[in-house]
Protein backbone atom coordinates (compact mmCIF):
# COMPACT_ATOMS: atom_id res chain seq x y z
CA UNK A 1 0.00 0.00 0.00
CA UNK A 2 1.35 3.39 -1.00
CA UNK A 3 1.60 5.75 1.96
CA UNK A 4 2.61 8.93 0.19
CA UNK A 5 0.24 11.89 0.08
CA UNK A 6 -0.21 13.12 -3.48
CA UNK A 7 1.79 16.12 -4.66
CA UNK A 8 -1.35 18.26 -5.00
CA UNK A 9 -2.63 17.48 -1.52
CA UNK A 10 0.85 17.84 0.01
CA UNK A 11 1.06 21.33 -1.53
CA UNK A 12 -2.38 22.26 -0.15
CA UNK A 13 -1.55 21.02 3.35
CA UNK A 14 1.91 22.62 3.40
CA UNK A 15 0.39 25.88 2.15
CA UNK A 16 -2.20 25.73 4.91
CA UNK A 17 0.53 25.03 7.46
CA UNK A 18 2.62 27.99 6.27
CA UNK A 19 -0.43 30.25 6.67
CA UNK A 20 -0.45 31.80 3.23
CA UNK A 21 -2.93 29.75 1.21
CA UNK A 22 -6.40 30.65 -0.01
CA UNK A 23 -7.71 27.99 2.39
CA UNK A 24 -6.28 29.94 5.34
CA UNK A 25 -8.03 33.09 4.17
CA UNK A 26 -11.33 31.27 3.67
CA UNK A 27 -11.21 29.45 7.01
CA UNK A 28 -10.18 32.59 8.92
CA UNK A 29 -13.13 34.51 7.48
CA UNK A 30 -15.76 31.79 7.72
CA UNK A 31 -14.70 29.57 10.63
CA UNK A 32 -11.99 31.24 12.71
CA UNK A 33 -8.26 31.45 13.06
CA UNK A 34 -6.60 28.04 12.66
CA UNK A 35 -2.97 27.03 12.74
CA UNK A 36 -2.03 23.69 11.26
CA UNK A 37 0.75 22.70 13.65
CA UNK A 38 1.78 19.44 12.02
CA UNK A 39 0.51 16.84 9.61
CA UNK A 40 1.59 13.46 8.32
CA UNK A 41 0.05 10.40 6.78
CA UNK A 42 -3.38 9.98 8.38
CA UNK A 43 -3.04 12.57 11.14
CA UNK A 44 -2.81 16.25 11.95
CA UNK A 45 -2.75 18.67 14.87
CA UNK A 46 -4.32 22.13 14.86
CA UNK A 47 -4.75 25.12 17.12
CA UNK A 48 -8.01 27.06 16.94
CA UNK A 49 -7.87 30.59 18.33
CA UNK A 50 -11.54 31.26 19.03
CA UNK A 51 -12.74 34.81 18.54
CA UNK A 52 -15.90 36.59 19.68
CA UNK A 53 -17.65 36.20 16.33
CA UNK A 54 -18.50 32.62 17.21
CA UNK A 55 -19.33 32.94 20.90
CA UNK A 56 -22.95 32.98 22.10
CA UNK A 57 -24.11 35.57 24.69
CA UNK A 58 -23.55 33.03 27.50
CA UNK A 59 -19.86 32.73 26.55
CA UNK A 60 -19.87 29.33 24.83
CA UNK A 61 -19.36 28.32 21.24
CA UNK A 62 -22.49 27.60 19.17
CA UNK A 63 -22.66 23.84 18.48
CA UNK A 64 -23.57 24.30 14.82
CA UNK A 65 -20.43 26.31 14.30
CA UNK A 66 -18.35 23.58 15.94
CA UNK A 67 -19.94 21.08 13.53
CA UNK A 68 -18.91 23.28 10.58
CA UNK A 69 -15.36 23.39 11.91
CA UNK A 70 -15.48 19.62 12.43
CA UNK A 71 -16.32 19.15 8.75
CA UNK A 72 -13.36 21.35 7.80
CA UNK A 73 -10.99 19.39 10.05
CA UNK A 74 -12.32 16.06 8.74
CA UNK A 75 -11.61 17.21 5.21
CA UNK A 76 -8.07 18.30 6.00
CA UNK A 77 -7.12 15.03 7.69
CA UNK A 78 -8.79 12.98 4.93
CA UNK A 79 -6.61 14.85 2.44
CA UNK A 80 -3.49 13.39 4.09
CA UNK A 81 -4.29 9.90 2.76
CA UNK A 82 -5.08 10.84 -0.84
CA UNK A 83 -2.40 9.32 -3.07
CA UNK A 84 -3.51 10.60 -6.47
CA UNK A 85 -3.68 14.31 -7.30
CA UNK A 86 -6.98 13.69 -9.11
CA UNK A 87 -8.65 12.38 -5.96
CA UNK A 88 -11.31 14.43 -4.21
CA UNK A 89 -13.77 13.63 -1.43
CA UNK A 90 -17.13 14.66 0.00
CA UNK A 91 -18.52 14.24 3.49
CA UNK A 92 -21.18 11.56 3.67
CA UNK A 93 -21.51 11.42 7.46
CA UNK A 94 -20.55 13.74 10.29
CA UNK A 95 -21.29 12.90 13.91
CA UNK A 96 -20.45 15.50 16.54
CA UNK A 97 -20.48 14.53 20.22
CA UNK A 98 -20.36 17.35 22.76
CA UNK A 99 -18.96 16.60 26.23
CA UNK A 100 -18.46 20.11 27.59
CA UNK A 101 -18.60 23.64 26.17
CA UNK A 102 -15.91 25.15 23.99
CA UNK A 103 -15.08 28.70 24.98
CA UNK A 104 -12.51 31.31 24.01
CA UNK A 105 -9.63 31.68 23.78
CA UNK A 106 -8.36 28.39 22.30
CA UNK A 107 -9.06 24.78 21.39
CA UNK A 108 -6.51 22.18 20.38
CA UNK A 109 -7.53 19.64 17.75
CA UNK A 110 -6.05 16.20 17.11
CA UNK A 111 -7.42 14.41 14.05
CA UNK A 112 -6.69 11.01 12.55
CA UNK A 113 -7.82 8.73 9.79
CA UNK A 114 -9.06 5.54 11.42
CA UNK A 115 -9.57 3.66 8.14
CA UNK A 116 -9.00 4.44 4.48
CA UNK A 117 -10.39 2.11 1.86
CA UNK A 118 -10.74 2.44 -1.89
CA UNK A 119 -14.01 4.41 -1.58
CA UNK A 120 -14.31 5.63 2.04
CA UNK A 121 -12.14 7.51 4.52
CA UNK A 122 -13.16 7.29 8.19
CA UNK A 123 -11.97 10.12 10.43
CA UNK A 124 -11.97 10.89 14.14
CA UNK A 125 -11.01 14.17 15.81
CA UNK A 126 -10.87 15.45 19.36
CA UNK A 127 -11.35 19.10 20.32
CA UNK A 128 -9.73 19.87 23.67
CA UNK A 129 -10.68 23.03 25.54
CA UNK A 130 -8.44 25.56 27.28
CA UNK A 131 -8.59 23.47 30.48
CA UNK A 132 -7.10 20.55 28.51
CA UNK A 133 -10.34 18.57 28.76
CA UNK A 134 -12.07 16.77 25.92
CA UNK A 135 -14.91 19.04 24.77
CA UNK A 136 -15.93 17.51 21.44
CA UNK A 137 -15.23 14.29 19.53
CA UNK A 138 -16.24 13.93 15.93
CA UNK A 139 -16.49 10.96 13.62
CA UNK A 140 -16.83 11.47 9.90
CA UNK A 141 -16.89 9.49 6.69
CA UNK A 142 -15.56 10.95 3.48
CA UNK A 143 -16.41 9.40 0.10
CA UNK A 144 -13.47 9.30 -2.30
CA UNK A 145 -13.96 10.18 -5.94
CA UNK A 146 -11.75 10.87 -8.96
CA UNK A 147 -11.87 13.94 -11.16
CA UNK A 148 -10.88 14.42 -14.76
């Protein structure tokens, strides 16, 4: 089994990690300020600096927004196991389990691919709050497809 991320997806992930890609701009505007700390085959670590745009009046993060971020994270980690530059994916399932609230100023995210087959990529990610406690765990399934 080939365990080399495609050139296209490596470039996207490295660009995201360096902070200067169009994906950084999009995610900062729509989801918040993320830093991709490290990535490798089937795994990545991120820091999410949570700003007031996404905090409810009671001081906690809106669950629907967390689910949107979860989909973004699931896509990034799924990208790590794509071996052909023509491969793409779409989310077919996203389960978000909330254990405790996420609040500003920061969340740490650890994501991994738990299984990658010819057609499906299964992903799990943990969101840890500023008190270093598990706040959210997500499970997602991405469907692989080829373009061109």
